[in-house]
Amino acid sequence: MLFMLILMLLVGAALLALGWMIAKHERIQLLSVRTEGVSEKDKAPFCRRMGAATMLIGVGCAVTGVVFCATSESWSWLIFAGCFLVGLVMYLSAMRRFSARR
């Protein structure tokens, strides 16, 4: 149980740091998606949205680890699933909105 808590917190912290670097420092090269369609003027809002989605998934991962270890209930994975799905929708909407191929 302690191992799972540490693992979930580490993964959550890594995703938070990655999202922060993408959103705040516009490190677009950290994304493993095709970004050549994003214009230079759209780079900042695209990075903010993609970074926010990554941070949301990281928060969901960390909160799920804490809640699961505190309660030992499997419903806590719904927190992660919800954050992951909202983050995925944010990824897809940002890619669709800021892509040059509309």
PDB file of N, CA and C in Angstrom:
ATOM      1  N   MET A   1       0.821  -1.188   0.000  1.00  0.00           N
ATOM      2  CA  MET A   1       0.000   0.000   0.000  1.00  0.00           C
ATOM      3  C   MET A   1       0.872   1.262   0.000  1.00  0.00           C
ATOM      4  N   LEU A   2       1.920   1.260   0.781  1.00  0.00           N
ATOM      5  CA  LEU A   2       2.818   2.402   0.837  1.00  0.00           C
ATOM      6  C   LEU A   2       3.552   2.571  -0.500  1.00  0.00           C
ATOM      7  N   PHE A   3       3.929   1.445  -1.107  1.00  0.00           N
ATOM      8  CA  PHE A   3       4.601   1.503  -2.414  1.00  0.00           C
ATOM      9  C   PHE A   3       3.699   2.166  -3.453  1.00  0.00           C
ATOM     10  N   MET A   4       2.412   1.812  -3.440  1.00  0.00           N
ATOM     11  CA  MET A   4       1.479   2.383  -4.401  1.00  0.00           C
ATOM     12  C   MET A   4       1.322   3.883  -4.171  1.00  0.00           C
ATOM     13  N   LEU A   5       1.255   4.296  -2.927  1.00  0.00           N
ATOM     14  CA  LEU A   5       1.144   5.715  -2.623  1.00  0.00           C
ATOM     15  C   LEU A   5       2.356   6.483  -3.149  1.00  0.00           C
ATOM     16  N   ILE A   6       3.537   5.964  -2.884  1.00  0.00           N
ATOM     17  CA  ILE A   6       4.758   6.622  -3.342  1.00  0.00           C
ATOM     18  C   ILE A   6       4.805   6.661  -4.864  1.00  0.00           C
ATOM     19  N   LEU A   7       4.455   5.558  -5.503  1.00  0.00           N
ATOM     20  CA  LEU A   7       4.466   5.491  -6.965  1.00  0.00           C
ATOM     21  C   LEU A   7       3.477   6.476  -7.580  1.00  0.00           C
ATOM     22  N   MET A   8       2.264   6.524  -7.060  1.00  0.00           N
ATOM     23  CA  MET A   8       1.251   7.430  -7.606  1.00  0.00           C
ATOM     24  C   MET A   8       1.642   8.889  -7.378  1.00  0.00           C
ATOM     25  N   LEU A   9       2.229   9.190  -6.229  1.00  0.00           N
ATOM     26  CA  LEU A   9       2.668  10.560  -5.963  1.00  0.00           C
ATOM     27  C   LEU A   9       3.831  10.953  -6.877  1.00  0.00           C
ATOM     28  N   LEU A  10       4.748  10.023  -7.116  1.00  0.00           N
ATOM     29  CA  LEU A  10       5.873  10.319  -8.006  1.00  0.00           C
ATOM     30  C   LEU A  10       5.412  10.527  -9.449  1.00  0.00           C
ATOM     31  N   VAL A  11       4.516   9.686  -9.919  1.00  0.00           N
ATOM     32  CA  VAL A  11       3.992   9.845 -11.279  1.00  0.00           C
ATOM     33  C   VAL A  11       3.201  11.145 -11.389  1.00  0.00           C
ATOM     34  N   GLY A  12       2.398  11.434 -10.374  1.00  0.00           N
ATOM     35  CA  GLY A  12       1.642  12.686 -10.373  1.00  0.00           C
ATOM     36  C   GLY A  12       2.558  13.895 -10.373  1.00  0.00           C
ATOM     37  N   ALA A  13       3.618  13.859  -9.559  1.00  0.00           N
ATOM     38  CA  ALA A  13       4.565  14.971  -9.507  1.00  0.00           C
ATOM     39  C   ALA A  13       5.303  15.124 -10.836  1.00  0.00           C
ATOM     40  N   ALA A  14       5.650  14.009 -11.467  1.00  0.00           N
ATOM     41  CA  ALA A  14       6.329  14.067 -12.763  1.00  0.00           C
ATOM     42  C   ALA A  14       5.416  14.691 -13.824  1.00  0.00           C
ATOM     43  N   LEU A  15       4.145  14.310 -13.826  1.00  0.00           N
ATOM     44  CA  LEU A  15       3.211  14.884 -14.791  1.00  0.00           C
ATOM     45  C   LEU A  15       2.951  16.358 -14.504  1.00  0.00           C
ATOM     46  N   LEU A  16       2.902  16.732 -13.225  1.00  0.00           N
ATOM     47  CA  LEU A  16       2.757  18.147 -12.876  1.00  0.00           C
ATOM     48  C   LEU A  16       3.950  18.961 -13.368  1.00  0.00           C
ATOM     49  N   ALA A  17       5.151  18.448 -13.157  1.00  0.00           N
ATOM     50  CA  ALA A  17       6.355  19.152 -13.604  1.00  0.00           C
ATOM     51  C   ALA A  17       6.396  19.250 -15.126  1.00  0.00           C
ATOM     52  N   LEU A  18       6.039  18.187 -15.800  1.00  0.00           N
ATOM     53  CA  LEU A  18       6.006  18.188 -17.266  1.00  0.00           C
ATOM     54  C   LEU A  18       4.981  19.202 -17.780  1.00  0.00           C
ATOM     55  N   GLY A  19       3.800  19.192 -17.181  1.00  0.00           N
ATOM     56  CA  GLY A  19       2.763  20.147 -17.568  1.00  0.00           C
ATOM     57  C   GLY A  19       3.183  21.582 -17.315  1.00  0.00           C
ATOM     58  N   TRP A  20       3.872  21.821 -16.198  1.00  0.00           N
ATOM     59  CA  TRP A  20       4.353  23.167 -15.889  1.00  0.00           C
ATOM     60  C   TRP A  20       5.372  23.636 -16.936  1.00  0.00           C
ATOM     61  N   MET A  21       6.278  22.740 -17.310  1.00  0.00           N
ATOM     62  CA  MET A  21       7.276  23.116 -18.311  1.00  0.00           C
ATOM     63  C   MET A  21       6.625  23.401 -19.664  1.00  0.00           C
ATOM     64  N   ILE A  22       5.600  22.636 -20.015  1.00  0.00           N
ATOM     65  CA  ILE A  22       4.910  22.857 -21.287  1.00  0.00           C
ATOM     66  C   ILE A  22       4.120  24.159 -21.235  1.00  0.00           C
ATOM     67  N   ALA A  23       3.382  24.379 -20.151  1.00  0.00           N
ATOM     68  CA  ALA A  23       2.503  25.541 -20.075  1.00  0.00           C
ATOM     69  C   ALA A  23       3.257  26.839 -19.830  1.00  0.00           C
ATOM     70  N   LYS A  24       4.169  26.846 -18.899  1.00  0.00           N
ATOM     71  CA  LYS A  24       4.816  28.096 -18.494  1.00  0.00           C
ATOM     72  C   LYS A  24       6.013  28.449 -19.363  1.00  0.00           C
ATOM     73  N   HIS A  25       6.800  27.471 -19.726  1.00  0.00           N
ATOM     74  CA  HIS A  25       8.022  27.734 -20.471  1.00  0.00           C
ATOM     75  C   HIS A  25       7.895  27.435 -21.964  1.00  0.00           C
ATOM     76  N   GLU A  26       6.683  27.051 -22.395  1.00  0.00           N
ATOM     77  CA  GLU A  26       6.376  26.752 -23.803  1.00  0.00           C
ATOM     78  C   GLU A  26       7.347  25.737 -24.408  1.00  0.00           C
ATOM     79  N   ARG A  27       7.611  24.689 -23.676  1.00  0.00           N
ATOM     80  CA  ARG A  27       8.497  23.618 -24.147  1.00  0.00           C
ATOM     81  C   ARG A  27       7.674  22.648 -24.995  1.00  0.00           C
ATOM     82  N   ILE A  28       7.312  23.099 -26.174  1.00  0.00           N
ATOM     83  CA  ILE A  28       6.426  22.346 -27.058  1.00  0.00           C
ATOM     84  C   ILE A  28       7.063  21.035 -27.512  1.00  0.00           C
ATOM     85  N   GLN A  29       8.394  20.967 -27.509  1.00  0.00           N
ATOM     86  CA  GLN A  29       9.082  19.756 -27.944  1.00  0.00           C
ATOM     87  C   GLN A  29       8.894  18.598 -26.960  1.00  0.00           C
ATOM     88  N   LEU A  30       8.391  18.862 -25.760  1.00  0.00           N
ATOM     89  CA  LEU A  30       8.137  17.789 -24.799  1.00  0.00           C
ATOM     90  C   LEU A  30       6.888  16.990 -25.145  1.00  0.00           C
ATOM     91  N   LEU A  31       6.064  17.534 -26.011  1.00  0.00           N
ATOM     92  CA  LEU A  31       4.847  16.840 -26.415  1.00  0.00           C
ATOM     93  C   LEU A  31       5.185  15.785 -27.458  1.00  0.00           C
ATOM     94  N   SER A  32       4.574  14.637 -27.332  1.00  0.00           N
ATOM     95  CA  SER A  32       4.838  13.568 -28.298  1.00  0.00           C
ATOM     96  C   SER A  32       3.733  13.524 -29.357  1.00  0.00           C
ATOM     97  N   VAL A  33       3.257  14.693 -29.734  1.00  0.00           N
ATOM     98  CA  VAL A  33       2.231  14.793 -30.773  1.00  0.00           C
ATOM     99  C   VAL A  33       2.776  15.659 -31.898  1.00  0.00           C
ATOM    100  N   ARG A  34       2.120  15.636 -33.032  1.00  0.00           N
ATOM    101  CA  ARG A  34       2.544  16.464 -34.165  1.00  0.00           C
ATOM    102  C   ARG A  34       2.191  17.912 -33.867  1.00  0.00           C
ATOM    103  N   THR A  35       3.200  18.740 -33.790  1.00  0.00           N
ATOM    104  CA  THR A  35       2.986  20.147 -33.460  1.00  0.00           C
ATOM    105  C   THR A  35       3.418  21.081 -34.577  1.00  0.00           C
ATOM    106  N   GLU A  36       3.816  20.551 -35.717  1.00  0.00           N
ATOM    107  CA  GLU A  36       4.269  21.427 -36.791  1.00  0.00           C
ATOM    108  C   GLU A  36       3.119  22.226 -37.399  1.00  0.00           C
ATOM    109  N   GLY A  37       1.886  21.839 -37.160  1.00  0.00           N
ATOM    110  CA  GLY A  37       0.735  22.574 -37.666  1.00  0.00           C
ATOM    111  C   GLY A  37       0.351  23.766 -36.809  1.00  0.00           C
ATOM    112  N   VAL A  38       1.002  23.946 -35.660  1.00  0.00           N
ATOM    113  CA  VAL A  38       0.690  25.048 -34.754  1.00  0.00           C
ATOM    114  C   VAL A  38       1.499  26.269 -35.182  1.00  0.00           C
ATOM    115  N   SER A  39       0.794  27.362 -35.459  1.00  0.00           N
ATOM    116  CA  SER A  39       1.487  28.577 -35.894  1.00  0.00           C
ATOM    117  C   SER A  39       2.218  29.211 -34.710  1.00  0.00           C
ATOM    118  N   GLU A  40       3.117  30.102 -35.003  1.00  0.00           N
ATOM    119  CA  GLU A  40       3.918  30.753 -33.965  1.00  0.00           C
ATOM    120  C   GLU A  40       3.049  31.611 -33.040  1.00  0.00           C
ATOM    121  N   LYS A  41       2.020  32.247 -33.574  1.00  0.00           N
ATOM    122  CA  LYS A  41       1.154  33.078 -32.728  1.00  0.00           C
ATOM    123  C   LYS A  41       0.237  32.235 -31.844  1.00  0.00           C
ATOM    124  N   ASP A  42      -0.033  31.009 -32.257  1.00  0.00           N
ATOM    125  CA  ASP A  42      -0.875  30.116 -31.462  1.00  0.00           C
ATOM    126  C   ASP A  42      -0.068  29.239 -30.515  1.00  0.00           C
ATOM    127  N   LYS A  43       1.240  29.373 -30.527  1.00  0.00           N
ATOM    128  CA  LYS A  43       2.083  28.498 -29.709  1.00  0.00           C
ATOM    129  C   LYS A  43       1.808  28.671 -28.213  1.00  0.00           C
ATOM    130  N   ALA A  44       1.700  29.911 -27.739  1.00  0.00           N
ATOM    131  CA  ALA A  44       1.492  30.158 -26.307  1.00  0.00           C
ATOM    132  C   ALA A  44       0.158  29.597 -25.806  1.00  0.00           C
ATOM    133  N   PRO A  45      -0.990  29.889 -26.458  1.00  0.00           N
ATOM    134  CA  PRO A  45      -2.240  29.302 -25.951  1.00  0.00           C
ATOM    135  C   PRO A  45      -2.294  27.778 -26.101  1.00  0.00           C
ATOM    136  N   PHE A  46      -1.682  27.267 -27.165  1.00  0.00           N
ATOM    137  CA  PHE A  46      -1.631  25.814 -27.349  1.00  0.00           C
ATOM    138  C   PHE A  46      -0.849  25.161 -26.209  1.00  0.00           C
ATOM    139  N   CYS A  47       0.298  25.724 -25.877  1.00  0.00           N
ATOM    140  CA  CYS A  47       1.115  25.173 -24.792  1.00  0.00           C
ATOM    141  C   CYS A  47       0.405  25.287 -23.454  1.00  0.00           C
ATOM    142  N   ARG A  48      -0.288  26.404 -23.217  1.00  0.00           N
ATOM    143  CA  ARG A  48      -1.027  26.551 -21.957  1.00  0.00           C
ATOM    144  C   ARG A  48      -2.100  25.482 -21.817  1.00  0.00           C
ATOM    145  N   ARG A  49      -2.833  25.252 -22.891  1.00  0.00           N
ATOM    146  CA  ARG A  49      -3.912  24.263 -22.820  1.00  0.00           C
ATOM    147  C   ARG A  49      -3.365  22.840 -22.680  1.00  0.00           C
ATOM    148  N   MET A  50      -2.326  22.519 -23.423  1.00  0.00           N
ATOM    149  CA  MET A  50      -1.737  21.177 -23.330  1.00  0.00           C
ATOM    150  C   MET A  50      -1.071  20.964 -21.967  1.00  0.00           C
ATOM    151  N   GLY A  51      -0.416  22.000 -21.446  1.00  0.00           N
ATOM    152  CA  GLY A  51       0.194  21.905 -20.123  1.00  0.00           C
ATOM    153  C   GLY A  51      -0.845  21.737 -19.032  1.00  0.00           C
ATOM    154  N   ALA A  52      -1.955  22.472 -19.142  1.00  0.00           N
ATOM    155  CA  ALA A  52      -3.026  22.346 -18.156  1.00  0.00           C
ATOM    156  C   ALA A  52      -3.623  20.941 -18.168  1.00  0.00           C
ATOM    157  N   ALA A  53      -3.775  20.370 -19.352  1.00  0.00           N
ATOM    158  CA  ALA A  53      -4.311  19.010 -19.447  1.00  0.00           C
ATOM    159  C   ALA A  53      -3.354  18.002 -18.810  1.00  0.00           C
ATOM    160  N   THR A  54      -2.064  18.176 -19.036  1.00  0.00           N
ATOM    161  CA  THR A  54      -1.072  17.279 -18.439  1.00  0.00           C
ATOM    162  C   THR A  54      -1.065  17.413 -16.919  1.00  0.00           C
ATOM    163  N   MET A  55      -1.154  18.648 -16.429  1.00  0.00           N
ATOM    164  CA  MET A  55      -1.184  18.856 -14.981  1.00  0.00           C
ATOM    165  C   MET A  55      -2.449  18.282 -14.357  1.00  0.00           C
ATOM    166  N   LEU A  56      -3.576  18.372 -15.062  1.00  0.00           N
ATOM    167  CA  LEU A  56      -4.823  17.800 -14.547  1.00  0.00           C
ATOM    168  C   LEU A  56      -4.702  16.286 -14.385  1.00  0.00           C
ATOM    169  N   ILE A  57      -4.094  15.629 -15.349  1.00  0.00           N
ATOM    170  CA  ILE A  57      -3.899  14.181 -15.253  1.00  0.00           C
ATOM    171  C   ILE A  57      -2.956  13.859 -14.085  1.00  0.00           C
ATOM    172  N   GLY A  58      -1.922  14.674 -13.896  1.00  0.00           N
ATOM    173  CA  GLY A  58      -1.010  14.470 -12.775  1.00  0.00           C
ATOM    174  C   GLY A  58      -1.682  14.643 -11.426  1.00  0.00           C
ATOM    175  N   VAL A  59      -2.529  15.659 -11.311  1.00  0.00           N
ATOM    176  CA  VAL A  59      -3.269  15.867 -10.061  1.00  0.00           C
ATOM    177  C   VAL A  59      -4.202  14.687  -9.813  1.00  0.00           C
ATOM    178  N   GLY A  60      -4.872  14.226 -10.856  1.00  0.00           N
ATOM    179  CA  GLY A  60      -5.760  13.071 -10.706  1.00  0.00           C
ATOM    180  C   GLY A  60      -5.019  11.836 -10.243  1.00  0.00           C
ATOM    181  N   CYS A  61      -3.820  11.637 -10.749  1.00  0.00           N
ATOM    182  CA  CYS A  61      -2.999  10.495 -10.353  1.00  0.00           C
ATOM    183  C   CYS A  61      -2.602  10.598  -8.882  1.00  0.00           C
ATOM    184  N   ALA A  62      -2.137  11.761  -8.455  1.00  0.00           N
ATOM    185  CA  ALA A  62      -1.703  11.942  -7.069  1.00  0.00           C
ATOM    186  C   ALA A  62      -2.875  11.828  -6.101  1.00  0.00           C
ATOM    187  N   VAL A  63      -3.993  12.448  -6.429  1.00  0.00           N
ATOM    188  CA  VAL A  63      -5.163  12.394  -5.550  1.00  0.00           C
ATOM    189  C   VAL A  63      -5.697  10.969  -5.458  1.00  0.00           C
ATOM    190  N   THR A  64      -5.690  10.262  -6.564  1.00  0.00           N
ATOM    191  CA  THR A  64      -6.140   8.867  -6.547  1.00  0.00           C
ATOM    192  C   THR A  64      -5.273   8.023  -5.623  1.00  0.00           C
ATOM    193  N   GLY A  65      -3.962   8.210  -5.675  1.00  0.00           N
ATOM    194  CA  GLY A  65      -3.070   7.461  -4.791  1.00  0.00           C
ATOM    195  C   GLY A  65      -3.341   7.739  -3.328  1.00  0.00           C
ATOM    196  N   VAL A  66      -3.548   9.011  -2.990  1.00  0.00           N
ATOM    197  CA  VAL A  66      -3.816   9.371  -1.592  1.00  0.00           C
ATOM    198  C   VAL A  66      -5.157   8.814  -1.131  1.00  0.00           C
ATOM    199  N   VAL A  67      -6.192   8.998  -1.949  1.00  0.00           N
ATOM    200  CA  VAL A  67      -7.527   8.526  -1.566  1.00  0.00           C
ATOM    201  C   VAL A  67      -7.561   7.009  -1.479  1.00  0.00           C
ATOM    202  N   PHE A  68      -6.928   6.325  -2.412  1.00  0.00           N
ATOM    203  CA  PHE A  68      -6.940   4.861  -2.379  1.00  0.00           C
ATOM    204  C   PHE A  68      -6.216   4.325  -1.151  1.00  0.00           C
ATOM    205  N   CYS A  69      -5.078   4.924  -0.828  1.00  0.00           N
ATOM    206  CA  CYS A  69      -4.344   4.448   0.347  1.00  0.00           C
ATOM    207  C   CYS A  69      -5.055   4.798   1.643  1.00  0.00           C
ATOM    208  N   ALA A  70      -5.817   5.894   1.654  1.00  0.00           N
ATOM    209  CA  ALA A  70      -6.543   6.286   2.867  1.00  0.00           C
ATOM    210  C   ALA A  70      -7.798   5.449   3.063  1.00  0.00           C
ATOM    211  N   THR A  71      -8.469   5.067   1.976  1.00  0.00           N
ATOM    212  CA  THR A  71      -9.756   4.384   2.103  1.00  0.00           C
ATOM    213  C   THR A  71      -9.729   2.927   1.675  1.00  0.00           C
ATOM    214  N   SER A  72      -8.766   2.536   0.864  1.00  0.00           N
ATOM    215  CA  SER A  72      -8.686   1.181   0.291  1.00  0.00           C
ATOM    216  C   SER A  72      -9.944   0.817  -0.492  1.00  0.00           C
ATOM    217  N   GLU A  73     -10.555   1.806  -1.090  1.00  0.00           N
ATOM    218  CA  GLU A  73     -11.758   1.586  -1.889  1.00  0.00           C
ATOM    219  C   GLU A  73     -11.416   1.750  -3.365  1.00  0.00           C
ATOM    220  N   SER A  74     -11.982   0.861  -4.176  1.00  0.00           N
ATOM    221  CA  SER A  74     -11.670   0.907  -5.607  1.00  0.00           C
ATOM    222  C   SER A  74     -12.367   2.059  -6.322  1.00  0.00           C
ATOM    223  N   TRP A  75     -13.363   2.682  -5.707  1.00  0.00           N
ATOM    224  CA  TRP A  75     -14.033   3.811  -6.352  1.00  0.00           C
ATOM    225  C   TRP A  75     -13.094   4.997  -6.520  1.00  0.00           C
ATOM    226  N   SER A  76     -12.000   5.009  -5.782  1.00  0.00           N
ATOM    227  CA  SER A  76     -11.064   6.128  -5.898  1.00  0.00           C
ATOM    228  C   SER A  76     -10.445   6.199  -7.295  1.00  0.00           C
ATOM    229  N   TRP A  77     -10.442   5.094  -8.009  1.00  0.00           N
ATOM    230  CA  TRP A  77      -9.918   5.109  -9.371  1.00  0.00           C
ATOM    231  C   TRP A  77     -10.818   5.901 -10.310  1.00  0.00           C
ATOM    232  N   LEU A  78     -12.049   6.166  -9.896  1.00  0.00           N
ATOM    233  CA  LEU A  78     -12.925   7.014 -10.696  1.00  0.00           C
ATOM    234  C   LEU A  78     -12.405   8.446 -10.749  1.00  0.00           C
ATOM    235  N   ILE A  79     -11.692   8.875  -9.705  1.00  0.00           N
ATOM    236  CA  ILE A  79     -11.074  10.202  -9.707  1.00  0.00           C
ATOM    237  C   ILE A  79     -10.056  10.274 -10.838  1.00  0.00           C
ATOM    238  N   PHE A  80      -9.195   9.256 -10.908  1.00  0.00           N
ATOM    239  CA  PHE A  80      -8.198   9.238 -11.974  1.00  0.00           C
ATOM    240  C   PHE A  80      -8.857   9.154 -13.341  1.00  0.00           C
ATOM    241  N   ALA A  81      -9.862   8.304 -13.468  1.00  0.00           N
ATOM    242  CA  ALA A  81     -10.544   8.152 -14.757  1.00  0.00           C
ATOM    243  C   ALA A  81     -11.179   9.464 -15.192  1.00  0.00           C
ATOM    244  N   GLY A  82     -11.806  10.164 -14.263  1.00  0.00           N
ATOM    245  CA  GLY A  82     -12.420  11.445 -14.595  1.00  0.00           C
ATOM    246  C   GLY A  82     -11.391  12.476 -15.024  1.00  0.00           C
ATOM    247  N   CYS A  83     -10.306  12.596 -14.262  1.00  0.00           N
ATOM    248  CA  CYS A  83      -9.249  13.558 -14.616  1.00  0.00           C
ATOM    249  C   CYS A  83      -8.589  13.183 -15.934  1.00  0.00           C
ATOM    250  N   PHE A  84      -8.386  11.896 -16.150  1.00  0.00           N
ATOM    251  CA  PHE A  84      -7.767  11.451 -17.399  1.00  0.00           C
ATOM    252  C   PHE A  84      -8.661  11.766 -18.592  1.00  0.00           C
ATOM    253  N   LEU A  85      -9.956  11.500 -18.475  1.00  0.00           N
ATOM    254  CA  LEU A  85     -10.865  11.758 -19.595  1.00  0.00           C
ATOM    255  C   LEU A  85     -10.992  13.254 -19.882  1.00  0.00           C
ATOM    256  N   VAL A  86     -11.085  14.068 -18.843  1.00  0.00           N
ATOM    257  CA  VAL A  86     -11.153  15.517 -19.064  1.00  0.00           C
ATOM    258  C   VAL A  86      -9.852  16.012 -19.686  1.00  0.00           C
ATOM    259  N   GLY A  87      -8.711  15.510 -19.221  1.00  0.00           N
ATOM    260  CA  GLY A  87      -7.430  15.882 -19.809  1.00  0.00           C
ATOM    261  C   GLY A  87      -7.330  15.455 -21.262  1.00  0.00           C
ATOM    262  N   LEU A  88      -7.817  14.269 -21.575  1.00  0.00           N
ATOM    263  CA  LEU A  88      -7.802  13.782 -22.951  1.00  0.00           C
ATOM    264  C   LEU A  88      -8.661  14.666 -23.857  1.00  0.00           C
ATOM    265  N   VAL A  89      -9.825  15.060 -23.380  1.00  0.00           N
ATOM    266  CA  VAL A  89     -10.689  15.961 -24.155  1.00  0.00           C
ATOM    267  C   VAL A  89      -9.986  17.304 -24.357  1.00  0.00           C
ATOM    268  N   MET A  90      -9.284  17.787 -23.329  1.00  0.00           N
ATOM    269  CA  MET A  90      -8.537  19.042 -23.468  1.00  0.00           C
ATOM    270  C   MET A  90      -7.424  18.909 -24.504  1.00  0.00           C
ATOM    271  N   TYR A  91      -6.712  17.768 -24.490  1.00  0.00           N
ATOM    272  CA  TYR A  91      -5.676  17.521 -25.501  1.00  0.00           C
ATOM    273  C   TYR A  91      -6.270  17.567 -26.906  1.00  0.00           C
ATOM    274  N   LEU A  92      -7.330  16.797 -27.100  1.00  0.00           N
ATOM    275  CA  LEU A  92      -7.915  16.685 -28.434  1.00  0.00           C
ATOM    276  C   LEU A  92      -8.500  18.005 -28.918  1.00  0.00           C
ATOM    277  N   SER A  93      -9.150  18.757 -28.011  1.00  0.00           N
ATOM    278  CA  SER A  93      -9.726  20.040 -28.435  1.00  0.00           C
ATOM    279  C   SER A  93      -8.628  21.045 -28.767  1.00  0.00           C
ATOM    280  N   ALA A  94      -7.528  21.028 -28.026  1.00  0.00           N
ATOM    281  CA  ALA A  94      -6.419  21.942 -28.337  1.00  0.00           C
ATOM    282  C   ALA A  94      -5.791  21.578 -29.678  1.00  0.00           C
ATOM    283  N   MET A  95      -5.626  20.306 -29.925  1.00  0.00           N
ATOM    284  CA  MET A  95      -5.037  19.886 -31.204  1.00  0.00           C
ATOM    285  C   MET A  95      -5.944  20.261 -32.366  1.00  0.00           C
ATOM    286  N   ARG A  96      -7.238  20.099 -32.181  1.00  0.00           N
ATOM    287  CA  ARG A  96      -8.166  20.434 -33.250  1.00  0.00           C
ATOM    288  C   ARG A  96      -8.249  21.948 -33.452  1.00  0.00           C
ATOM    289  N   ARG A  97      -8.255  22.698 -32.364  1.00  0.00           N
ATOM    290  CA  ARG A  97      -8.410  24.155 -32.457  1.00  0.00           C
ATOM    291  C   ARG A  97      -7.188  24.836 -33.053  1.00  0.00           C
ATOM    292  N   PHE A  98      -5.997  24.402 -32.670  1.00  0.00           N
ATOM    293  CA  PHE A  98      -4.797  25.106 -33.076  1.00  0.00           C
ATOM    294  C   PHE A  98      -4.067  24.458 -34.244  1.00  0.00           C
ATOM    295  N   SER A  99      -4.634  23.434 -34.827  1.00  0.00           N
ATOM    296  CA  SER A  99      -3.999  22.786 -35.975  1.00  0.00           C
ATOM    297  C   SER A  99      -4.241  23.613 -37.232  1.00  0.00           C
ATOM    298  N   ALA A 100      -3.238  23.672 -38.087  1.00  0.00           N
ATOM    299  CA  ALA A 100      -3.359  24.443 -39.333  1.00  0.00           C
ATOM    300  C   ALA A 100      -4.239  23.722 -40.339  1.00  0.00           C
ATOM    301  N   ARG A 101      -4.392  22.426 -40.196  1.00  0.00           N
ATOM    302  CA  ARG A 101      -5.200  21.634 -41.136  1.00  0.00           C
ATOM    303  C   ARG A 101      -6.625  21.525 -40.619  1.00  0.00           C
ATOM    304  N   ARG A 102      -7.433  22.533 -40.868  1.00  0.00           N
ATOM    305  CA  ARG A 102      -8.819  22.508 -40.365  1.00  0.00           C
ATOM    306  C   ARG A 102      -9.769  22.085 -41.440  1.00  0.00           C
TER     307      ARG A 102
END
